[in-house]
Amino acid sequence: MKAIIQRVCKASVVVEQETISSIGRGICVLIGISREDGDEDIEYMVRKILNLRIFENPENGKRWDKSVVDLGLEVLSVSQFTLHALIKGNKLDFHRSMNPEDAPQFYLKYLEKLKSKYTPEKIKDGKFGAFMSVHIENDGPVTISLDSKERE
């Protein structure tokens, strides 16, 4: 799994000119699923997404001290199969992305794990497989890239 995590002031997802989800302060997670991903990748990503210390501590002003969970903030997760694209010349190849038959169920499993490890009402998502307009108001900006196959 690959994720692009952005610290946001607010974010929303629009599908067919209708806002289907929105959050205030928190993080927007663009998440890509590969053919090789399994339960251990979900566990790793959920742990990192919820516990990365990318926020300032409001009590003492210390930077990079608090996570989305520590501060009770929101998470907007958006599926994005293009994160696993290979570039061959000027052409994109998506064969590393999980196949369209298995990916929706795997994404739902990831979302359920995210909700089970945090406050479910604070987890929002886009519409899997839909063409979405994602509105992100960056805070910082702070953008972090994660890959469950490159753990440290």
N, C-alpha and C. Protein backbone atom coordinates (compact mmCIF):
# COMPACT_ATOMS: atom_id res chain seq x y z
N MET A 1 0.85 -1.18 0.00
CA MET A 1 0.00 0.00 0.00
C MET A 1 0.89 1.23 0.00
N LYS A 2 0.42 2.23 -0.69
CA LYS A 2 1.10 3.52 -0.68
C LYS A 2 0.10 4.57 -0.21
N ALA A 3 0.61 5.57 0.51
CA ALA A 3 -0.25 6.65 0.97
C ALA A 3 0.48 7.98 0.85
N ILE A 4 -0.27 8.98 0.48
CA ILE A 4 0.18 10.37 0.54
C ILE A 4 -0.69 11.00 1.62
N ILE A 5 -0.06 11.46 2.68
CA ILE A 5 -0.78 12.05 3.81
C ILE A 5 -0.52 13.54 3.81
N GLN A 6 -1.59 14.31 3.80
CA GLN A 6 -1.46 15.76 3.82
C GLN A 6 -2.18 16.32 5.04
N ARG A 7 -1.47 17.17 5.77
CA ARG A 7 -2.09 17.87 6.89
C ARG A 7 -2.97 18.96 6.30
N VAL A 8 -4.23 19.02 6.74
CA VAL A 8 -5.17 19.95 6.12
C VAL A 8 -5.90 20.82 7.15
N CYS A 9 -6.27 22.01 6.68
CA CYS A 9 -7.18 22.87 7.45
C CYS A 9 -8.61 22.37 7.24
N LYS A 10 -8.86 21.91 5.99
CA LYS A 10 -10.14 21.29 5.64
C LYS A 10 -9.96 20.57 4.32
N ALA A 11 -10.87 19.63 4.06
CA ALA A 11 -10.83 18.88 2.81
C ALA A 11 -12.23 18.32 2.53
N SER A 12 -12.51 18.11 1.25
CA SER A 12 -13.82 17.56 0.88
C SER A 12 -13.71 16.79 -0.43
N VAL A 13 -14.71 15.96 -0.67
CA VAL A 13 -14.80 15.18 -1.90
C VAL A 13 -16.15 15.47 -2.55
N VAL A 14 -16.09 15.80 -3.85
CA VAL A 14 -17.29 16.07 -4.63
C VAL A 14 -17.39 15.03 -5.74
N VAL A 15 -18.57 14.41 -5.87
CA VAL A 15 -18.86 13.46 -6.94
C VAL A 15 -20.13 13.93 -7.63
N GLU A 16 -20.06 14.10 -8.93
CA GLU A 16 -21.20 14.56 -9.73
C GLU A 16 -21.83 15.82 -9.13
N GLN A 17 -20.98 16.77 -8.78
CA GLN A 17 -21.34 18.09 -8.27
C GLN A 17 -22.03 18.06 -6.91
N GLU A 18 -21.88 16.95 -6.18
CA GLU A 18 -22.43 16.84 -4.84
C GLU A 18 -21.31 16.51 -3.86
N THR A 19 -21.22 17.30 -2.77
CA THR A 19 -20.22 17.02 -1.74
C THR A 19 -20.65 15.78 -0.98
N ILE A 20 -19.82 14.74 -1.05
CA ILE A 20 -20.19 13.48 -0.39
C ILE A 20 -19.49 13.30 0.95
N SER A 21 -18.38 13.99 1.19
CA SER A 21 -17.73 14.00 2.49
C SER A 21 -16.88 15.22 2.65
N SER A 22 -16.73 15.61 3.91
CA SER A 22 -15.87 16.76 4.20
C SER A 22 -15.37 16.64 5.63
N ILE A 23 -14.21 17.24 5.86
CA ILE A 23 -13.63 17.29 7.20
C ILE A 23 -13.13 18.70 7.46
N GLY A 24 -12.94 19.00 8.74
CA GLY A 24 -12.25 20.21 9.14
C GLY A 24 -10.78 19.89 9.28
N ARG A 25 -10.16 20.40 10.32
CA ARG A 25 -8.73 20.18 10.54
C ARG A 25 -8.43 18.70 10.73
N GLY A 26 -7.35 18.25 10.10
CA GLY A 26 -6.96 16.85 10.22
C GLY A 26 -6.00 16.46 9.13
N ILE A 27 -6.22 15.26 8.56
CA ILE A 27 -5.38 14.78 7.47
C ILE A 27 -6.23 14.23 6.34
N CYS A 28 -5.72 14.42 5.13
CA CYS A 28 -6.30 13.80 3.94
C CYS A 28 -5.31 12.73 3.50
N VAL A 29 -5.81 11.51 3.32
CA VAL A 29 -4.97 10.38 2.95
C VAL A 29 -5.37 9.88 1.57
N LEU A 30 -4.46 9.99 0.61
CA LEU A 30 -4.66 9.39 -0.71
C LEU A 30 -4.03 8.00 -0.62
N ILE A 31 -4.83 6.96 -0.81
CA ILE A 31 -4.34 5.60 -0.56
C ILE A 31 -4.42 4.74 -1.81
N GLY A 32 -3.29 4.09 -2.11
CA GLY A 32 -3.22 3.19 -3.26
C GLY A 32 -2.96 1.77 -2.82
N ILE A 33 -3.65 0.83 -3.45
CA ILE A 33 -3.55 -0.58 -3.09
C ILE A 33 -2.89 -1.35 -4.24
N SER A 34 -1.89 -2.16 -3.89
CA SER A 34 -1.20 -2.94 -4.93
C SER A 34 -1.68 -4.39 -4.91
N ARG A 35 -1.31 -5.11 -5.95
CA ARG A 35 -1.68 -6.53 -6.07
C ARG A 35 -1.09 -7.38 -4.95
N GLU A 36 0.03 -6.96 -4.39
CA GLU A 36 0.72 -7.75 -3.36
C GLU A 36 0.28 -7.44 -1.94
N ASP A 37 -0.62 -6.49 -1.75
CA ASP A 37 -0.98 -6.06 -0.40
C ASP A 37 -1.86 -7.08 0.32
N GLY A 38 -1.66 -7.15 1.64
CA GLY A 38 -2.43 -8.05 2.49
C GLY A 38 -2.75 -7.40 3.82
N ASP A 39 -3.22 -8.21 4.76
CA ASP A 39 -3.63 -7.70 6.07
C ASP A 39 -2.52 -6.97 6.81
N GLU A 40 -1.28 -7.45 6.68
CA GLU A 40 -0.16 -6.81 7.39
C GLU A 40 0.09 -5.40 6.85
N ASP A 41 -0.21 -5.17 5.57
CA ASP A 41 -0.06 -3.83 5.00
C ASP A 41 -1.13 -2.89 5.55
N ILE A 42 -2.34 -3.41 5.70
CA ILE A 42 -3.42 -2.62 6.30
C ILE A 42 -3.03 -2.22 7.72
N GLU A 43 -2.58 -3.19 8.52
CA GLU A 43 -2.19 -2.93 9.91
C GLU A 43 -1.13 -1.84 9.98
N TYR A 44 -0.11 -1.97 9.17
CA TYR A 44 0.99 -1.00 9.16
C TYR A 44 0.48 0.40 8.80
N MET A 45 -0.29 0.49 7.71
CA MET A 45 -0.77 1.80 7.25
C MET A 45 -1.68 2.46 8.27
N VAL A 46 -2.61 1.70 8.82
CA VAL A 46 -3.53 2.27 9.81
C VAL A 46 -2.76 2.80 11.01
N ARG A 47 -1.80 2.03 11.49
CA ARG A 47 -0.99 2.46 12.64
C ARG A 47 -0.25 3.76 12.32
N LYS A 48 0.37 3.83 11.15
CA LYS A 48 1.13 5.03 10.78
C LYS A 48 0.21 6.23 10.56
N ILE A 49 -0.87 6.03 9.82
CA ILE A 49 -1.80 7.13 9.52
C ILE A 49 -2.31 7.77 10.80
N LEU A 50 -2.71 6.96 11.76
CA LEU A 50 -3.31 7.49 12.98
C LEU A 50 -2.29 8.02 13.98
N ASN A 51 -1.05 7.56 13.91
CA ASN A 51 -0.07 7.92 14.95
C ASN A 51 1.09 8.80 14.51
N LEU A 52 1.17 9.13 13.22
CA LEU A 52 2.24 10.03 12.78
C LEU A 52 2.12 11.37 13.51
N ARG A 53 3.22 11.82 14.07
CA ARG A 53 3.21 13.09 14.81
C ARG A 53 3.56 14.23 13.86
N ILE A 54 2.53 14.77 13.23
CA ILE A 54 2.72 15.84 12.24
C ILE A 54 2.07 17.15 12.67
N PHE A 55 1.57 17.19 13.92
CA PHE A 55 0.92 18.40 14.41
C PHE A 55 1.70 19.01 15.57
N GLU A 56 1.51 20.29 15.74
CA GLU A 56 2.11 21.01 16.85
C GLU A 56 1.34 20.72 18.13
N ASN A 57 2.07 20.67 19.24
CA ASN A 57 1.45 20.51 20.55
C ASN A 57 0.86 21.86 20.96
N PRO A 58 -0.46 21.95 21.13
CA PRO A 58 -1.07 23.24 21.46
C PRO A 58 -0.71 23.75 22.85
N GLU A 59 -0.25 22.87 23.73
CA GLU A 59 0.08 23.26 25.09
C GLU A 59 1.44 23.93 25.20
N ASN A 60 2.43 23.44 24.44
CA ASN A 60 3.77 24.00 24.58
C ASN A 60 4.38 24.50 23.27
N GLY A 61 3.62 24.39 22.17
CA GLY A 61 4.10 24.87 20.88
C GLY A 61 5.14 23.99 20.20
N LYS A 62 5.42 22.83 20.79
CA LYS A 62 6.43 21.93 20.21
C LYS A 62 5.91 21.37 18.89
N ARG A 63 6.73 21.53 17.84
CA ARG A 63 6.36 21.03 16.51
C ARG A 63 6.56 19.52 16.43
N TRP A 64 5.82 18.91 15.51
CA TRP A 64 5.94 17.48 15.21
C TRP A 64 5.78 16.63 16.48
N ASP A 65 4.81 16.97 17.30
CA ASP A 65 4.66 16.35 18.60
C ASP A 65 3.35 15.58 18.79
N LYS A 66 2.33 15.89 17.99
CA LYS A 66 1.01 15.28 18.20
C LYS A 66 0.48 14.64 16.92
N SER A 67 -0.30 13.59 17.12
CA SER A 67 -0.93 12.89 15.99
C SER A 67 -2.38 13.34 15.84
N VAL A 68 -3.00 12.87 14.77
CA VAL A 68 -4.42 13.16 14.55
C VAL A 68 -5.25 12.60 15.71
N VAL A 69 -4.87 11.44 16.24
CA VAL A 69 -5.57 10.83 17.36
C VAL A 69 -5.37 11.65 18.63
N ASP A 70 -4.13 12.07 18.89
CA ASP A 70 -3.83 12.86 20.09
C ASP A 70 -4.71 14.10 20.19
N LEU A 71 -4.98 14.71 19.04
CA LEU A 71 -5.73 15.97 19.02
C LEU A 71 -7.21 15.78 18.68
N GLY A 72 -7.63 14.55 18.45
CA GLY A 72 -9.04 14.29 18.14
C GLY A 72 -9.49 14.87 16.82
N LEU A 73 -8.60 14.88 15.82
CA LEU A 73 -8.90 15.49 14.52
C LEU A 73 -9.52 14.47 13.57
N GLU A 74 -9.85 14.93 12.37
CA GLU A 74 -10.55 14.09 11.40
C GLU A 74 -9.60 13.54 10.33
N VAL A 75 -10.06 12.47 9.67
CA VAL A 75 -9.31 11.81 8.60
C VAL A 75 -10.23 11.67 7.39
N LEU A 76 -9.76 12.13 6.23
CA LEU A 76 -10.46 11.90 4.97
C LEU A 76 -9.60 10.97 4.13
N SER A 77 -10.10 9.78 3.85
CA SER A 77 -9.37 8.80 3.06
C SER A 77 -9.96 8.73 1.66
N VAL A 78 -9.08 8.79 0.65
CA VAL A 78 -9.51 8.77 -0.75
C VAL A 78 -8.71 7.71 -1.49
N SER A 79 -9.39 6.75 -2.09
CA SER A 79 -8.70 5.71 -2.85
C SER A 79 -8.09 6.31 -4.11
N GLN A 80 -6.86 5.88 -4.42
CA GLN A 80 -6.19 6.42 -5.60
C GLN A 80 -5.26 5.37 -6.20
N PHE A 81 -5.79 4.62 -7.16
CA PHE A 81 -5.02 3.53 -7.76
C PHE A 81 -3.80 4.03 -8.53
N THR A 82 -3.77 5.29 -8.91
CA THR A 82 -2.65 5.82 -9.69
C THR A 82 -1.35 5.89 -8.90
N LEU A 83 -1.41 5.74 -7.59
CA LEU A 83 -0.18 5.77 -6.78
C LEU A 83 0.76 4.62 -7.12
N HIS A 84 0.23 3.55 -7.71
CA HIS A 84 1.07 2.41 -8.09
C HIS A 84 1.40 2.40 -9.58
N ALA A 85 1.20 3.50 -10.25
CA ALA A 85 1.48 3.57 -11.69
C ALA A 85 2.98 3.49 -11.95
N LEU A 86 3.32 2.81 -13.03
CA LEU A 86 4.68 2.81 -13.56
C LEU A 86 4.68 3.72 -14.77
N ILE A 87 5.76 4.46 -14.95
CA ILE A 87 5.86 5.35 -16.11
C ILE A 87 6.81 4.71 -17.10
N LYS A 88 6.27 4.42 -18.26
CA LYS A 88 7.07 3.82 -19.35
C LYS A 88 7.06 4.82 -20.49
N GLY A 89 8.16 5.56 -20.61
CA GLY A 89 8.20 6.65 -21.58
C GLY A 89 7.26 7.74 -21.09
N ASN A 90 6.23 8.00 -21.86
CA ASN A 90 5.21 8.97 -21.44
C ASN A 90 3.88 8.29 -21.14
N LYS A 91 3.90 6.98 -21.06
CA LYS A 91 2.67 6.22 -20.85
C LYS A 91 2.63 5.67 -19.43
N LEU A 92 1.43 5.62 -18.86
CA LEU A 92 1.25 5.07 -17.52
C LEU A 92 0.81 3.61 -17.62
N ASP A 93 1.34 2.80 -16.72
CA ASP A 93 0.99 1.38 -16.65
C ASP A 93 0.51 1.11 -15.22
N PHE A 94 -0.68 0.55 -15.09
CA PHE A 94 -1.28 0.36 -13.77
C PHE A 94 -1.32 -1.11 -13.33
N HIS A 95 -0.51 -1.96 -13.93
CA HIS A 95 -0.60 -3.39 -13.61
C HIS A 95 -0.21 -3.72 -12.17
N ARG A 96 0.47 -2.82 -11.48
CA ARG A 96 0.83 -3.06 -10.07
C ARG A 96 -0.35 -2.81 -9.12
N SER A 97 -1.33 -2.03 -9.57
CA SER A 97 -2.50 -1.76 -8.74
C SER A 97 -3.33 -3.03 -8.59
N MET A 98 -4.02 -3.14 -7.45
CA MET A 98 -4.88 -4.30 -7.24
C MET A 98 -5.98 -4.31 -8.28
N ASN A 99 -6.37 -5.50 -8.72
CA ASN A 99 -7.38 -5.60 -9.77
C ASN A 99 -8.73 -5.05 -9.31
N PRO A 100 -9.53 -4.56 -10.24
CA PRO A 100 -10.80 -3.90 -9.90
C PRO A 100 -11.83 -4.82 -9.24
N GLU A 101 -11.64 -6.12 -9.34
CA GLU A 101 -12.57 -7.05 -8.68
C GLU A 101 -12.29 -7.15 -7.17
N ASP A 102 -11.02 -7.12 -6.78
CA ASP A 102 -10.64 -7.29 -5.38
C ASP A 102 -10.43 -5.98 -4.62
N ALA A 103 -10.07 -4.93 -5.32
CA ALA A 103 -9.70 -3.67 -4.67
C ALA A 103 -10.81 -3.05 -3.82
N PRO A 104 -12.08 -3.01 -4.27
CA PRO A 104 -13.11 -2.37 -3.45
C PRO A 104 -13.27 -3.04 -2.07
N GLN A 105 -13.25 -4.36 -2.03
CA GLN A 105 -13.39 -5.07 -0.76
C GLN A 105 -12.17 -4.86 0.13
N PHE A 106 -10.99 -4.83 -0.47
CA PHE A 106 -9.76 -4.59 0.29
C PHE A 106 -9.78 -3.18 0.88
N TYR A 107 -10.23 -2.21 0.10
CA TYR A 107 -10.32 -0.83 0.58
C TYR A 107 -11.30 -0.73 1.75
N LEU A 108 -12.44 -1.41 1.64
CA LEU A 108 -13.41 -1.41 2.74
C LEU A 108 -12.82 -2.02 4.01
N LYS A 109 -12.03 -3.06 3.84
CA LYS A 109 -11.37 -3.70 4.98
C LYS A 109 -10.41 -2.72 5.66
N TYR A 110 -9.66 -1.98 4.84
CA TYR A 110 -8.76 -0.94 5.36
C TYR A 110 -9.56 0.13 6.12
N LEU A 111 -10.66 0.60 5.53
CA LEU A 111 -11.49 1.63 6.18
C LEU A 111 -12.04 1.14 7.51
N GLU A 112 -12.52 -0.10 7.54
CA GLU A 112 -13.06 -0.66 8.78
C GLU A 112 -11.99 -0.74 9.86
N LYS A 113 -10.78 -1.11 9.48
CA LYS A 113 -9.67 -1.18 10.44
C LYS A 113 -9.35 0.22 10.97
N LEU A 114 -9.34 1.21 10.08
CA LEU A 114 -9.11 2.60 10.47
C LEU A 114 -10.16 3.04 11.50
N LYS A 115 -11.41 2.74 11.22
CA LYS A 115 -12.51 3.11 12.13
C LYS A 115 -12.43 2.36 13.45
N SER A 116 -11.99 1.11 13.41
CA SER A 116 -11.92 0.32 14.64
C SER A 116 -10.80 0.79 15.57
N LYS A 117 -9.80 1.46 15.02
CA LYS A 117 -8.67 1.93 15.82
C LYS A 117 -8.81 3.39 16.25
N TYR A 118 -9.90 4.03 15.86
CA TYR A 118 -10.11 5.44 16.17
C TYR A 118 -11.61 5.66 16.36
N THR A 119 -12.04 6.89 16.36
CA THR A 119 -13.45 7.24 16.47
C THR A 119 -14.07 7.14 15.08
N PRO A 120 -14.99 6.20 14.86
CA PRO A 120 -15.53 5.98 13.50
C PRO A 120 -16.10 7.23 12.85
N GLU A 121 -16.73 8.10 13.62
CA GLU A 121 -17.34 9.31 13.06
C GLU A 121 -16.31 10.29 12.53
N LYS A 122 -15.07 10.14 12.95
CA LYS A 122 -14.01 11.05 12.50
C LYS A 122 -13.32 10.56 11.23
N ILE A 123 -13.70 9.38 10.75
CA ILE A 123 -13.14 8.81 9.52
C ILE A 123 -14.14 9.00 8.40
N LYS A 124 -13.75 9.73 7.37
CA LYS A 124 -14.60 9.97 6.20
C LYS A 124 -13.87 9.42 4.98
N ASP A 125 -14.63 9.18 3.90
CA ASP A 125 -13.95 8.71 2.70
C ASP A 125 -14.67 9.19 1.45
N GLY A 126 -13.98 9.00 0.33
CA GLY A 126 -14.55 9.35 -0.96
C GLY A 126 -15.46 8.25 -1.45
N LYS A 127 -15.59 8.10 -2.74
CA LYS A 127 -16.42 7.04 -3.33
C LYS A 127 -15.51 6.19 -4.21
N PHE A 128 -15.27 4.98 -3.78
CA PHE A 128 -14.32 4.11 -4.47
C PHE A 128 -14.70 3.96 -5.94
N GLY A 129 -13.72 4.16 -6.81
CA GLY A 129 -13.92 3.96 -8.24
C GLY A 129 -14.58 5.11 -8.98
N ALA A 130 -15.04 6.11 -8.25
CA ALA A 130 -15.72 7.24 -8.89
C ALA A 130 -14.71 8.29 -9.32
N PHE A 131 -15.11 9.11 -10.30
CA PHE A 131 -14.32 10.29 -10.63
C PHE A 131 -14.66 11.33 -9.57
N MET A 132 -13.66 11.76 -8.81
CA MET A 132 -13.88 12.66 -7.69
C MET A 132 -13.14 13.97 -7.88
N SER A 133 -13.71 15.00 -7.36
CA SER A 133 -13.02 16.28 -7.24
C SER A 133 -12.67 16.40 -5.76
N VAL A 134 -11.37 16.35 -5.47
CA VAL A 134 -10.91 16.38 -4.08
C VAL A 134 -10.37 17.77 -3.79
N HIS A 135 -11.00 18.43 -2.83
CA HIS A 135 -10.60 19.78 -2.44
C HIS A 135 -9.79 19.68 -1.15
N ILE A 136 -8.54 20.12 -1.23
CA ILE A 136 -7.64 20.03 -0.09
C ILE A 136 -7.07 21.41 0.21
N GLU A 137 -7.28 21.87 1.43
CA GLU A 137 -6.63 23.10 1.87
C GLU A 137 -5.49 22.69 2.79
N ASN A 138 -4.28 22.70 2.22
CA ASN A 138 -3.10 22.26 2.96
C ASN A 138 -2.81 23.15 4.15
N ASP A 139 -2.29 22.52 5.19
CA ASP A 139 -1.89 23.21 6.41
C ASP A 139 -0.38 23.04 6.53
N GLY A 140 0.36 24.07 6.20
CA GLY A 140 1.82 24.00 6.27
C GLY A 140 2.49 24.54 5.02
N PRO A 141 2.56 23.81 3.96
CA PRO A 141 2.04 22.46 3.74
C PRO A 141 2.91 21.38 4.37
N VAL A 142 2.24 20.31 4.78
CA VAL A 142 2.92 19.12 5.27
C VAL A 142 2.39 17.95 4.45
N THR A 143 3.28 17.28 3.73
CA THR A 143 2.92 16.14 2.89
C THR A 143 3.91 15.01 3.15
N ILE A 144 3.38 13.85 3.53
CA ILE A 144 4.20 12.69 3.87
C ILE A 144 3.84 11.54 2.94
N SER A 145 4.86 10.84 2.45
CA SER A 145 4.66 9.68 1.58
C SER A 145 5.01 8.42 2.36
N LEU A 146 4.11 7.43 2.33
CA LEU A 146 4.34 6.15 3.01
C LEU A 146 4.21 5.00 2.03
N ASP A 147 4.99 3.97 2.24
CA ASP A 147 4.89 2.75 1.44
C ASP A 147 5.02 1.57 2.41
N SER A 148 3.99 0.74 2.48
CA SER A 148 4.01 -0.37 3.44
C SER A 148 5.09 -1.41 3.12
N LYS A 149 5.64 -1.36 1.94
CA LYS A 149 6.71 -2.29 1.56
C LYS A 149 8.09 -1.73 1.90
N GLU A 150 8.16 -0.49 2.35
CA GLU A 150 9.43 0.16 2.71
C GLU A 150 9.36 0.62 4.15
N ARG A 151 9.25 -0.32 5.07
CA ARG A 151 9.09 -0.01 6.49
C ARG A 151 10.43 0.27 7.16
N GLU A 152 10.37 1.17 8.12
CA GLU A 152 11.57 1.47 8.92
C GLU A 152 11.21 1.54 10.37
